[in-house]
Amino acid sequence: MATMLVGSLLAFAAHQRQTRLADAKLQAVAVADELLDRFSGSPGGLPPAGRGAIPGKPGWFWQTTPARAIAPAQIPVRIIRFQIFSQKPNGPLTPLVTVELVQSLGVG
């Protein structure tokens, strides 16, 4: 009986961790949508390389990095990777959302 109890408690704890992570990812998608909307309305647009804290979400931050530059059919564009991470003090960095966006290089 003790073995079944321990097994059940371990399974429940794993389930709770997965539920918390899934909830955090859902919240991160909503935050990413809001941030990307805000960036698209600003004069500078999405910064190709930047990082910032997310208000109201301690330990969360957004980050953009250039993923790659491509020129399909001679159209100059670049791919920017937008990510939201969470990190607890002295804990591992957890990626919650990753989106790759196509940005025109505005030649001409």
PDB file of N, CA and C in Angstrom:
ATOM      1  N   MET A   1       0.818  -1.190   0.000  1.00  0.00           N
ATOM      2  CA  MET A   1       0.000   0.000   0.000  1.00  0.00           C
ATOM      3  C   MET A   1       0.865   1.258   0.000  1.00  0.00           C
ATOM      4  N   ALA A   2       1.955   1.219   0.747  1.00  0.00           N
ATOM      5  CA  ALA A   2       2.858   2.374   0.791  1.00  0.00           C
ATOM      6  C   ALA A   2       3.446   2.658  -0.583  1.00  0.00           C
ATOM      7  N   THR A   3       3.761   1.621  -1.347  1.00  0.00           N
ATOM      8  CA  THR A   3       4.310   1.796  -2.687  1.00  0.00           C
ATOM      9  C   THR A   3       3.296   2.485  -3.589  1.00  0.00           C
ATOM     10  N   MET A   4       2.034   2.101  -3.486  1.00  0.00           N
ATOM     11  CA  MET A   4       0.994   2.738  -4.296  1.00  0.00           C
ATOM     12  C   MET A   4       0.808   4.192  -3.896  1.00  0.00           C
ATOM     13  N   LEU A   5       0.891   4.489  -2.623  1.00  0.00           N
ATOM     14  CA  LEU A   5       0.741   5.850  -2.139  1.00  0.00           C
ATOM     15  C   LEU A   5       1.873   6.733  -2.646  1.00  0.00           C
ATOM     16  N   VAL A   6       3.090   6.245  -2.553  1.00  0.00           N
ATOM     17  CA  VAL A   6       4.248   7.010  -3.031  1.00  0.00           C
ATOM     18  C   VAL A   6       4.144   7.227  -4.538  1.00  0.00           C
ATOM     19  N   GLY A   7       3.783   6.197  -5.274  1.00  0.00           N
ATOM     20  CA  GLY A   7       3.617   6.321  -6.720  1.00  0.00           C
ATOM     21  C   GLY A   7       2.551   7.332  -7.083  1.00  0.00           C
ATOM     22  N   SER A   8       1.453   7.312  -6.363  1.00  0.00           N
ATOM     23  CA  SER A   8       0.366   8.267  -6.611  1.00  0.00           C
ATOM     24  C   SER A   8       0.804   9.696  -6.309  1.00  0.00           C
ATOM     25  N   LEU A   9       1.529   9.893  -5.224  1.00  0.00           N
ATOM     26  CA  LEU A   9       2.002  11.233  -4.874  1.00  0.00           C
ATOM     27  C   LEU A   9       2.999  11.761  -5.907  1.00  0.00           C
ATOM     28  N   LEU A  10       3.876  10.896  -6.390  1.00  0.00           N
ATOM     29  CA  LEU A  10       4.835  11.322  -7.417  1.00  0.00           C
ATOM     30  C   LEU A  10       4.120  11.677  -8.720  1.00  0.00           C
ATOM     31  N   ALA A  11       3.140  10.882  -9.090  1.00  0.00           N
ATOM     32  CA  ALA A  11       2.375  11.165 -10.306  1.00  0.00           C
ATOM     33  C   ALA A  11       1.595  12.469 -10.164  1.00  0.00           C
ATOM     34  N   PHE A  12       1.015  12.699  -9.001  1.00  0.00           N
ATOM     35  CA  PHE A  12       0.269  13.933  -8.761  1.00  0.00           C
ATOM     36  C   PHE A  12       1.189  15.149  -8.830  1.00  0.00           C
ATOM     37  N   ALA A  13       2.372  15.042  -8.241  1.00  0.00           N
ATOM     38  CA  ALA A  13       3.335  16.158  -8.274  1.00  0.00           C
ATOM     39  C   ALA A  13       3.762  16.463  -9.705  1.00  0.00           C
ATOM     40  N   ALA A  14       4.007  15.433 -10.500  1.00  0.00           N
ATOM     41  CA  ALA A  14       4.385  15.636 -11.901  1.00  0.00           C
ATOM     42  C   ALA A  14       3.243  16.289 -12.671  1.00  0.00           C
ATOM     43  N   HIS A  15       2.041  15.864 -12.395  1.00  0.00           N
ATOM     44  CA  HIS A  15       0.866  16.446 -13.039  1.00  0.00           C
ATOM     45  C   HIS A  15       0.738  17.932 -12.684  1.00  0.00           C
ATOM     46  N   GLN A  16       0.948  18.266 -11.431  1.00  0.00           N
ATOM     47  CA  GLN A  16       0.860  19.663 -10.989  1.00  0.00           C
ATOM     48  C   GLN A  16       1.911  20.527 -11.698  1.00  0.00           C
ATOM     49  N   ARG A  17       3.140  20.021 -11.830  1.00  0.00           N
ATOM     50  CA  ARG A  17       4.201  20.764 -12.526  1.00  0.00           C
ATOM     51  C   ARG A  17       3.823  21.016 -13.977  1.00  0.00           C
ATOM     52  N   GLN A  18       3.308  19.978 -14.639  1.00  0.00           N
ATOM     53  CA  GLN A  18       2.915  20.117 -16.040  1.00  0.00           C
ATOM     54  C   GLN A  18       1.748  21.091 -16.197  1.00  0.00           C
ATOM     55  N   THR A  19       0.826  21.078 -15.275  1.00  0.00           N
ATOM     56  CA  THR A  19      -0.310  22.001 -15.320  1.00  0.00           C
ATOM     57  C   THR A  19       0.160  23.441 -15.150  1.00  0.00           C
ATOM     58  N   ARG A  20       1.072  23.678 -14.208  1.00  0.00           N
ATOM     59  CA  ARG A  20       1.598  25.036 -14.005  1.00  0.00           C
ATOM     60  C   ARG A  20       2.344  25.531 -15.238  1.00  0.00           C
ATOM     61  N   LEU A  21       3.138  24.652 -15.860  1.00  0.00           N
ATOM     62  CA  LEU A  21       3.874  25.033 -17.059  1.00  0.00           C
ATOM     63  C   LEU A  21       2.910  25.335 -18.206  1.00  0.00           C
ATOM     64  N   ALA A  22       1.890  24.533 -18.386  1.00  0.00           N
ATOM     65  CA  ALA A  22       0.903  24.773 -19.441  1.00  0.00           C
ATOM     66  C   ALA A  22       0.178  26.101 -19.219  1.00  0.00           C
ATOM     67  N   ASP A  23      -0.190  26.399 -17.972  1.00  0.00           N
ATOM     68  CA  ASP A  23      -0.836  27.683 -17.663  1.00  0.00           C
ATOM     69  C   ASP A  23       0.093  28.847 -17.957  1.00  0.00           C
ATOM     70  N   ALA A  24       1.366  28.705 -17.591  1.00  0.00           N
ATOM     71  CA  ALA A  24       2.348  29.768 -17.854  1.00  0.00           C
ATOM     72  C   ALA A  24       2.509  29.990 -19.360  1.00  0.00           C
ATOM     73  N   LYS A  25       2.508  28.913 -20.130  1.00  0.00           N
ATOM     74  CA  LYS A  25       2.645  29.048 -21.584  1.00  0.00           C
ATOM     75  C   LYS A  25       1.433  29.740 -22.187  1.00  0.00           C
ATOM     76  N   LEU A  26       0.245  29.436 -21.699  1.00  0.00           N
ATOM     77  CA  LEU A  26      -0.954  30.119 -22.182  1.00  0.00           C
ATOM     78  C   LEU A  26      -0.903  31.607 -21.861  1.00  0.00           C
ATOM     79  N   GLN A  27      -0.471  31.955 -20.667  1.00  0.00           N
ATOM     80  CA  GLN A  27      -0.335  33.356 -20.295  1.00  0.00           C
ATOM     81  C   GLN A  27       0.727  34.039 -21.151  1.00  0.00           C
ATOM     82  N   ALA A  28       1.814  33.329 -21.438  1.00  0.00           N
ATOM     83  CA  ALA A  28       2.901  33.890 -22.242  1.00  0.00           C
ATOM     84  C   ALA A  28       2.442  34.165 -23.671  1.00  0.00           C
ATOM     85  N   VAL A  29       1.572  33.330 -24.215  1.00  0.00           N
ATOM     86  CA  VAL A  29       1.043  33.568 -25.560  1.00  0.00           C
ATOM     87  C   VAL A  29       0.245  34.870 -25.582  1.00  0.00           C
ATOM     88  N   ALA A  30      -0.573  35.096 -24.555  1.00  0.00           N
ATOM     89  CA  ALA A  30      -1.352  36.337 -24.475  1.00  0.00           C
ATOM     90  C   ALA A  30      -0.428  37.547 -24.338  1.00  0.00           C
ATOM     91  N   VAL A  31       0.614  37.430 -23.521  1.00  0.00           N
ATOM     92  CA  VAL A  31       1.580  38.521 -23.344  1.00  0.00           C
ATOM     93  C   VAL A  31       2.326  38.773 -24.656  1.00  0.00           C
ATOM     94  N   ALA A  32       2.729  37.717 -25.348  1.00  0.00           N
ATOM     95  CA  ALA A  32       3.440  37.867 -26.623  1.00  0.00           C
ATOM     96  C   ALA A  32       2.560  38.578 -27.641  1.00  0.00           C
ATOM     97  N   ASP A  33       1.291  38.215 -27.696  1.00  0.00           N
ATOM     98  CA  ASP A  33       0.364  38.858 -28.622  1.00  0.00           C
ATOM     99  C   ASP A  33       0.266  40.354 -28.327  1.00  0.00           C
ATOM    100  N   GLU A  34       0.154  40.690 -27.059  1.00  0.00           N
ATOM    101  CA  GLU A  34       0.059  42.103 -26.656  1.00  0.00           C
ATOM    102  C   GLU A  34       1.347  42.864 -26.989  1.00  0.00           C
ATOM    103  N   LEU A  35       2.496  42.276 -26.666  1.00  0.00           N
ATOM    104  CA  LEU A  35       3.772  42.941 -26.940  1.00  0.00           C
ATOM    105  C   LEU A  35       4.014  43.121 -28.437  1.00  0.00           C
ATOM    106  N   LEU A  36       3.729  42.096 -29.219  1.00  0.00           N
ATOM    107  CA  LEU A  36       3.933  42.195 -30.665  1.00  0.00           C
ATOM    108  C   LEU A  36       3.001  43.232 -31.272  1.00  0.00           C
ATOM    109  N   ASP A  37       1.777  43.334 -30.751  1.00  0.00           N
ATOM    110  CA  ASP A  37       0.850  44.362 -31.216  1.00  0.00           C
ATOM    111  C   ASP A  37       1.398  45.752 -30.892  1.00  0.00           C
ATOM    112  N   ARG A  38       1.938  45.904 -29.694  1.00  0.00           N
ATOM    113  CA  ARG A  38       2.511  47.185 -29.279  1.00  0.00           C
ATOM    114  C   ARG A  38       3.734  47.539 -30.139  1.00  0.00           C
ATOM    115  N   PHE A  39       4.608  46.566 -30.386  1.00  0.00           N
ATOM    116  CA  PHE A  39       5.788  46.819 -31.220  1.00  0.00           C
ATOM    117  C   PHE A  39       5.390  47.197 -32.645  1.00  0.00           C
ATOM    118  N   SER A  40       4.385  46.513 -33.193  1.00  0.00           N
ATOM    119  CA  SER A  40       4.004  46.784 -34.581  1.00  0.00           C
ATOM    120  C   SER A  40       3.425  48.184 -34.741  1.00  0.00           C
ATOM    121  N   GLY A  41       2.882  48.752 -33.664  1.00  0.00           N
ATOM    122  CA  GLY A  41       2.334  50.101 -33.722  1.00  0.00           C
ATOM    123  C   GLY A  41       3.342  51.187 -33.412  1.00  0.00           C
ATOM    124  N   SER A  42       4.528  50.814 -32.992  1.00  0.00           N
ATOM    125  CA  SER A  42       5.531  51.826 -32.650  1.00  0.00           C
ATOM    126  C   SER A  42       6.347  52.196 -33.885  1.00  0.00           C
ATOM    127  N   PRO A  43       6.905  53.413 -33.914  1.00  0.00           N
ATOM    128  CA  PRO A  43       7.676  53.851 -35.092  1.00  0.00           C
ATOM    129  C   PRO A  43       8.868  52.954 -35.419  1.00  0.00           C
ATOM    130  N   GLY A  44       9.556  52.440 -34.427  1.00  0.00           N
ATOM    131  CA  GLY A  44      10.727  51.600 -34.671  1.00  0.00           C
ATOM    132  C   GLY A  44      10.392  50.162 -35.002  1.00  0.00           C
ATOM    133  N   GLY A  45       9.162  49.764 -34.711  1.00  0.00           N
ATOM    134  CA  GLY A  45       8.777  48.375 -34.945  1.00  0.00           C
ATOM    135  C   GLY A  45       9.458  47.434 -33.964  1.00  0.00           C
ATOM    136  N   LEU A  46       9.531  46.199 -34.346  1.00  0.00           N
ATOM    137  CA  LEU A  46      10.153  45.165 -33.509  1.00  0.00           C
ATOM    138  C   LEU A  46      11.665  45.294 -33.578  1.00  0.00           C
ATOM    139  N   PRO A  47      12.341  45.467 -32.443  1.00  0.00           N
ATOM    140  CA  PRO A  47      13.798  45.556 -32.494  1.00  0.00           C
ATOM    141  C   PRO A  47      14.403  44.209 -32.877  1.00  0.00           C
ATOM    142  N   PRO A  48      15.372  44.200 -33.805  1.00  0.00           N
ATOM    143  CA  PRO A  48      15.959  42.925 -34.220  1.00  0.00           C
ATOM    144  C   PRO A  48      16.778  42.250 -33.122  1.00  0.00           C
ATOM    145  N   ALA A  49      17.278  43.026 -32.183  1.00  0.00           N
ATOM    146  CA  ALA A  49      18.033  42.456 -31.058  1.00  0.00           C
ATOM    147  C   ALA A  49      17.714  43.307 -29.832  1.00  0.00           C
ATOM    148  N   GLY A  50      16.917  42.752 -28.937  1.00  0.00           N
ATOM    149  CA  GLY A  50      16.541  43.497 -27.744  1.00  0.00           C
ATOM    150  C   GLY A  50      16.096  42.564 -26.643  1.00  0.00           C
ATOM    151  N   ARG A  51      15.893  43.162 -25.480  1.00  0.00           N
ATOM    152  CA  ARG A  51      15.486  42.382 -24.316  1.00  0.00           C
ATOM    153  C   ARG A  51      14.814  43.316 -23.323  1.00  0.00           C
ATOM    154  N   GLY A  52      13.798  42.826 -22.634  1.00  0.00           N
ATOM    155  CA  GLY A  52      13.146  43.662 -21.645  1.00  0.00           C
ATOM    156  C   GLY A  52      12.321  42.835 -20.680  1.00  0.00           C
ATOM    157  N   ALA A  53      12.066  43.437 -19.523  1.00  0.00           N
ATOM    158  CA  ALA A  53      11.240  42.786 -18.501  1.00  0.00           C
ATOM    159  C   ALA A  53       9.772  42.899 -18.893  1.00  0.00           C
ATOM    160  N   ILE A  54       8.970  41.995 -18.401  1.00  0.00           N
ATOM    161  CA  ILE A  54       7.540  42.019 -18.652  1.00  0.00           C
ATOM    162  C   ILE A  54       6.857  42.494 -17.376  1.00  0.00           C
ATOM    163  N   PRO A  55       6.236  43.678 -17.445  1.00  0.00           N
ATOM    164  CA  PRO A  55       5.579  44.235 -16.249  1.00  0.00           C
ATOM    165  C   PRO A  55       4.499  43.298 -15.707  1.00  0.00           C
ATOM    166  N   GLY A  56       4.483  43.156 -14.403  1.00  0.00           N
ATOM    167  CA  GLY A  56       3.483  42.330 -13.752  1.00  0.00           C
ATOM    168  C   GLY A  56       3.796  40.848 -13.735  1.00  0.00           C
ATOM    169  N   LYS A  57       4.905  40.464 -14.340  1.00  0.00           N
ATOM    170  CA  LYS A  57       5.309  39.056 -14.374  1.00  0.00           C
ATOM    171  C   LYS A  57       6.749  38.942 -13.863  1.00  0.00           C
ATOM    172  N   PRO A  58       6.942  38.881 -12.567  1.00  0.00           N
ATOM    173  CA  PRO A  58       8.309  38.788 -12.032  1.00  0.00           C
ATOM    174  C   PRO A  58       9.046  37.572 -12.580  1.00  0.00           C
ATOM    175  N   GLY A  59      10.255  37.787 -13.028  1.00  0.00           N
ATOM    176  CA  GLY A  59      11.068  36.700 -13.556  1.00  0.00           C
ATOM    177  C   GLY A  59      10.827  36.417 -15.023  1.00  0.00           C
ATOM    178  N   TRP A  60       9.895  37.126 -15.654  1.00  0.00           N
ATOM    179  CA  TRP A  60       9.625  36.951 -17.080  1.00  0.00           C
ATOM    180  C   TRP A  60      10.310  38.060 -17.861  1.00  0.00           C
ATOM    181  N   PHE A  61      10.824  37.726 -19.037  1.00  0.00           N
ATOM    182  CA  PHE A  61      11.368  38.750 -19.928  1.00  0.00           C
ATOM    183  C   PHE A  61      11.191  38.322 -21.373  1.00  0.00           C
ATOM    184  N   TRP A  62      11.177  39.309 -22.248  1.00  0.00           N
ATOM    185  CA  TRP A  62      11.115  39.037 -23.682  1.00  0.00           C
ATOM    186  C   TRP A  62      12.494  39.278 -24.271  1.00  0.00           C
ATOM    187  N   GLN A  63      12.727  38.654 -25.418  1.00  0.00           N
ATOM    188  CA  GLN A  63      14.022  38.801 -26.089  1.00  0.00           C
ATOM    189  C   GLN A  63      13.817  38.628 -27.588  1.00  0.00           C
ATOM    190  N   THR A  64      14.494  39.459 -28.367  1.00  0.00           N
ATOM    191  CA  THR A  64      14.503  39.282 -29.817  1.00  0.00           C
ATOM    192  C   THR A  64      15.939  39.064 -30.270  1.00  0.00           C
ATOM    193  N   THR A  65      16.086  38.183 -31.239  1.00  0.00           N
ATOM    194  CA  THR A  65      17.403  37.919 -31.830  1.00  0.00           C
ATOM    195  C   THR A  65      17.208  37.720 -33.330  1.00  0.00           C
ATOM    196  N   PRO A  66      18.190  38.178 -34.120  1.00  0.00           N
ATOM    197  CA  PRO A  66      18.096  37.897 -35.553  1.00  0.00           C
ATOM    198  C   PRO A  66      18.288  36.399 -35.782  1.00  0.00           C
ATOM    199  N   ALA A  67      17.334  35.779 -36.445  1.00  0.00           N
ATOM    200  CA  ALA A  67      17.435  34.342 -36.687  1.00  0.00           C
ATOM    201  C   ALA A  67      18.240  34.073 -37.947  1.00  0.00           C
ATOM    202  N   ARG A  68      17.852  34.737 -39.033  1.00  0.00           N
ATOM    203  CA  ARG A  68      18.592  34.567 -40.284  1.00  0.00           C
ATOM    204  C   ARG A  68      18.081  35.591 -41.290  1.00  0.00           C
ATOM    205  N   ALA A  69      18.880  35.885 -42.281  1.00  0.00           N
ATOM    206  CA  ALA A  69      18.474  36.778 -43.366  1.00  0.00           C
ATOM    207  C   ALA A  69      18.268  35.921 -44.612  1.00  0.00           C
ATOM    208  N   ILE A  70      17.178  36.182 -45.298  1.00  0.00           N
ATOM    209  CA  ILE A  70      16.896  35.435 -46.514  1.00  0.00           C
ATOM    210  C   ILE A  70      16.485  36.413 -47.606  1.00  0.00           C
ATOM    211  N   ALA A  71      16.598  36.009 -48.838  1.00  0.00           N
ATOM    212  CA  ALA A  71      16.185  36.855 -49.952  1.00  0.00           C
ATOM    213  C   ALA A  71      15.477  36.008 -51.004  1.00  0.00           C
ATOM    214  N   PRO A  72      14.253  35.551 -50.702  1.00  0.00           N
ATOM    215  CA  PRO A  72      13.540  34.775 -51.706  1.00  0.00           C
ATOM    216  C   PRO A  72      13.095  35.684 -52.848  1.00  0.00           C
ATOM    217  N   ALA A  73      13.341  35.275 -54.061  1.00  0.00           N
ATOM    218  CA  ALA A  73      12.962  36.040 -55.253  1.00  0.00           C
ATOM    219  C   ALA A  73      13.448  37.489 -55.160  1.00  0.00           C
ATOM    220  N   GLN A  74      14.621  37.665 -54.610  1.00  0.00           N
ATOM    221  CA  GLN A  74      15.253  38.983 -54.494  1.00  0.00           C
ATOM    222  C   GLN A  74      14.467  39.966 -53.619  1.00  0.00           C
ATOM    223  N   ILE A  75      13.687  39.451 -52.690  1.00  0.00           N
ATOM    224  CA  ILE A  75      12.975  40.306 -51.734  1.00  0.00           C
ATOM    225  C   ILE A  75      13.755  40.275 -50.429  1.00  0.00           C
ATOM    226  N   PRO A  76      14.382  41.390 -50.049  1.00  0.00           N
ATOM    227  CA  PRO A  76      15.221  41.381 -48.843  1.00  0.00           C
ATOM    228  C   PRO A  76      14.395  41.417 -47.544  1.00  0.00           C
ATOM    229  N   VAL A  77      14.443  40.323 -46.836  1.00  0.00           N
ATOM    230  CA  VAL A  77      13.766  40.224 -45.544  1.00  0.00           C
ATOM    231  C   VAL A  77      14.692  39.535 -44.554  1.00  0.00           C
ATOM    232  N   ARG A  78      14.357  39.675 -43.288  1.00  0.00           N
ATOM    233  CA  ARG A  78      15.095  38.931 -42.263  1.00  0.00           C
ATOM    234  C   ARG A  78      14.083  38.311 -41.312  1.00  0.00           C
ATOM    235  N   ILE A  79      14.530  37.270 -40.667  1.00  0.00           N
ATOM    236  CA  ILE A  79      13.695  36.574 -39.692  1.00  0.00           C
ATOM    237  C   ILE A  79      14.177  36.984 -38.303  1.00  0.00           C
ATOM    238  N   ILE A  80      13.228  37.436 -37.489  1.00  0.00           N
ATOM    239  CA  ILE A  80      13.535  37.818 -36.109  1.00  0.00           C
ATOM    240  C   ILE A  80      12.834  36.836 -35.189  1.00  0.00           C
ATOM    241  N   ARG A  81      13.593  36.271 -34.284  1.00  0.00           N
ATOM    242  CA  ARG A  81      13.040  35.330 -33.303  1.00  0.00           C
ATOM    243  C   ARG A  81      12.646  36.124 -32.058  1.00  0.00           C
ATOM    244  N   PHE A  82      11.373  36.040 -31.702  1.00  0.00           N
ATOM    245  CA  PHE A  82      10.829  36.703 -30.519  1.00  0.00           C
ATOM    246  C   PHE A  82      10.512  35.613 -29.501  1.00  0.00           C
ATOM    247  N   GLN A  83      11.045  35.759 -28.295  1.00  0.00           N
ATOM    248  CA  GLN A  83      10.841  34.732 -27.269  1.00  0.00           C
ATOM    249  C   GLN A  83      10.457  35.363 -25.944  1.00  0.00           C
ATOM    250  N   ILE A  84       9.696  34.612 -25.173  1.00  0.00           N
ATOM    251  CA  ILE A  84       9.399  34.977 -23.791  1.00  0.00           C
ATOM    252  C   ILE A  84       9.928  33.852 -22.913  1.00  0.00           C
ATOM    253  N   PHE A  85      10.678  34.256 -21.890  1.00  0.00           N
ATOM    254  CA  PHE A  85      11.289  33.318 -20.949  1.00  0.00           C
ATOM    255  C   PHE A  85      10.802  33.607 -19.541  1.00  0.00           C
ATOM    256  N   SER A  86      10.876  32.602 -18.697  1.00  0.00           N
ATOM    257  CA  SER A  86      10.695  32.813 -17.266  1.00  0.00           C
ATOM    258  C   SER A  86      11.902  32.210 -16.555  1.00  0.00           C
ATOM    259  N   GLN A  87      12.236  32.819 -15.439  1.00  0.00           N
ATOM    260  CA  GLN A  87      13.344  32.298 -14.639  1.00  0.00           C
ATOM    261  C   GLN A  87      13.088  32.610 -13.182  1.00  0.00           C
ATOM    262  N   LYS A  88      13.074  31.564 -12.384  1.00  0.00           N
ATOM    263  CA  LYS A  88      12.954  31.752 -10.944  1.00  0.00           C
ATOM    264  C   LYS A  88      14.351  32.021 -10.394  1.00  0.00           C
ATOM    265  N   PRO A  89      14.452  32.721  -9.258  1.00  0.00           N
ATOM    266  CA  PRO A  89      15.779  32.987  -8.691  1.00  0.00           C
ATOM    267  C   PRO A  89      16.594  31.705  -8.554  1.00  0.00           C
ATOM    268  N   ASN A  90      17.793  31.727  -9.096  1.00  0.00           N
ATOM    269  CA  ASN A  90      18.713  30.586  -9.083  1.00  0.00           C
ATOM    270  C   ASN A  90      18.126  29.347  -9.769  1.00  0.00           C
ATOM    271  N   GLY A  91      17.122  29.555 -10.615  1.00  0.00           N
ATOM    272  CA  GLY A  91      16.506  28.428 -11.315  1.00  0.00           C
ATOM    273  C   GLY A  91      16.889  28.432 -12.783  1.00  0.00           C
ATOM    274  N   PRO A  92      16.463  27.410 -13.492  1.00  0.00           N
ATOM    275  CA  PRO A  92      16.778  27.333 -14.923  1.00  0.00           C
ATOM    276  C   PRO A  92      15.948  28.320 -15.731  1.00  0.00           C
ATOM    277  N   LEU A  93      16.458  28.701 -16.865  1.00  0.00           N
ATOM    278  CA  LEU A  93      15.760  29.558 -17.814  1.00  0.00           C
ATOM    279  C   LEU A  93      14.754  28.694 -18.573  1.00  0.00           C
ATOM    280  N   THR A  94      13.488  29.087 -18.552  1.00  0.00           N
ATOM    281  CA  THR A  94      12.442  28.293 -19.192  1.00  0.00           C
ATOM    282  C   THR A  94      11.833  29.074 -20.346  1.00  0.00           C
ATOM    283  N   PRO A  95      12.015  28.608 -21.591  1.00  0.00           N
ATOM    284  CA  PRO A  95      11.354  29.284 -22.715  1.00  0.00           C
ATOM    285  C   PRO A  95       9.864  28.954 -22.696  1.00  0.00           C
ATOM    286  N   LEU A  96       9.042  29.991 -22.767  1.00  0.00           N
ATOM    287  CA  LEU A  96       7.595  29.784 -22.747  1.00  0.00           C
ATOM    288  C   LEU A  96       6.980  29.915 -24.133  1.00  0.00           C
ATOM    289  N   VAL A  97       7.477  30.869 -24.927  1.00  0.00           N
ATOM    290  CA  VAL A  97       6.943  31.118 -26.264  1.00  0.00           C
ATOM    291  C   VAL A  97       8.089  31.471 -27.191  1.00  0.00           C
ATOM    292  N   THR A  98       8.054  30.947 -28.407  1.00  0.00           N
ATOM    293  CA  THR A  98       9.003  31.324 -29.449  1.00  0.00           C
ATOM    294  C   THR A  98       8.209  31.555 -30.731  1.00  0.00           C
ATOM    295  N   VAL A  99       8.417  32.736 -31.326  1.00  0.00           N
ATOM    296  CA  VAL A  99       7.759  33.084 -32.580  1.00  0.00           C
ATOM    297  C   VAL A  99       8.825  33.639 -33.507  1.00  0.00           C
ATOM    298  N   GLU A 100       8.806  33.206 -34.759  1.00  0.00           N
ATOM    299  CA  GLU A 100       9.714  33.774 -35.748  1.00  0.00           C
ATOM    300  C   GLU A 100       8.893  34.648 -36.682  1.00  0.00           C
ATOM    301  N   LEU A 101       9.349  35.902 -36.846  1.00  0.00           N
ATOM    302  CA  LEU A 101       8.627  36.886 -37.636  1.00  0.00           C
ATOM    303  C   LEU A 101       9.471  37.320 -38.837  1.00  0.00           C
ATOM    304  N   VAL A 102       8.812  37.572 -39.939  1.00  0.00           N
ATOM    305  CA  VAL A 102       9.485  38.048 -41.147  1.00  0.00           C
ATOM    306  C   VAL A 102       9.407  39.575 -41.130  1.00  0.00           C
ATOM    307  N   GLN A 103      10.565  40.217 -41.315  1.00  0.00           N
ATOM    308  CA  GLN A 103      10.634  41.670 -41.309  1.00  0.00           C
ATOM    309  C   GLN A 103      11.300  42.139 -42.601  1.00  0.00           C
ATOM    310  N   SER A 104      10.668  43.089 -43.253  1.00  0.00           N
ATOM    311  CA  SER A 104      11.229  43.650 -44.480  1.00  0.00           C
ATOM    312  C   SER A 104      12.457  44.469 -44.128  1.00  0.00           C
ATOM    313  N   LEU A 105      13.466  44.404 -44.994  1.00  0.00           N
ATOM    314  CA  LEU A 105      14.671  45.211 -44.792  1.00  0.00           C
ATOM    315  C   LEU A 105      14.528  46.583 -45.434  1.00  0.00           C
ATOM    316  N   GLY A 106      13.407  46.832 -46.079  1.00  0.00           N
ATOM    317  CA  GLY A 106      13.084  48.163 -46.581  1.00  0.00           C
ATOM    318  C   GLY A 106      14.079  48.756 -47.561  1.00  0.00           C
ATOM    319  N   VAL A 107      14.487  48.007 -48.547  1.00  0.00           N
ATOM    320  CA  VAL A 107      15.425  48.507 -49.539  1.00  0.00           C
ATOM    321  C   VAL A 107      14.699  49.456 -50.480  1.00  0.00           C
ATOM    322  N   GLY A 108      15.343  50.567 -50.759  1.00  0.00           N
ATOM    323  CA  GLY A 108      14.873  51.386 -51.807  1.00  0.00           C
ATOM    324  C   GLY A 108      14.210  52.620 -51.536  1.00  0.00           C
TER     325      GLY A 108
END
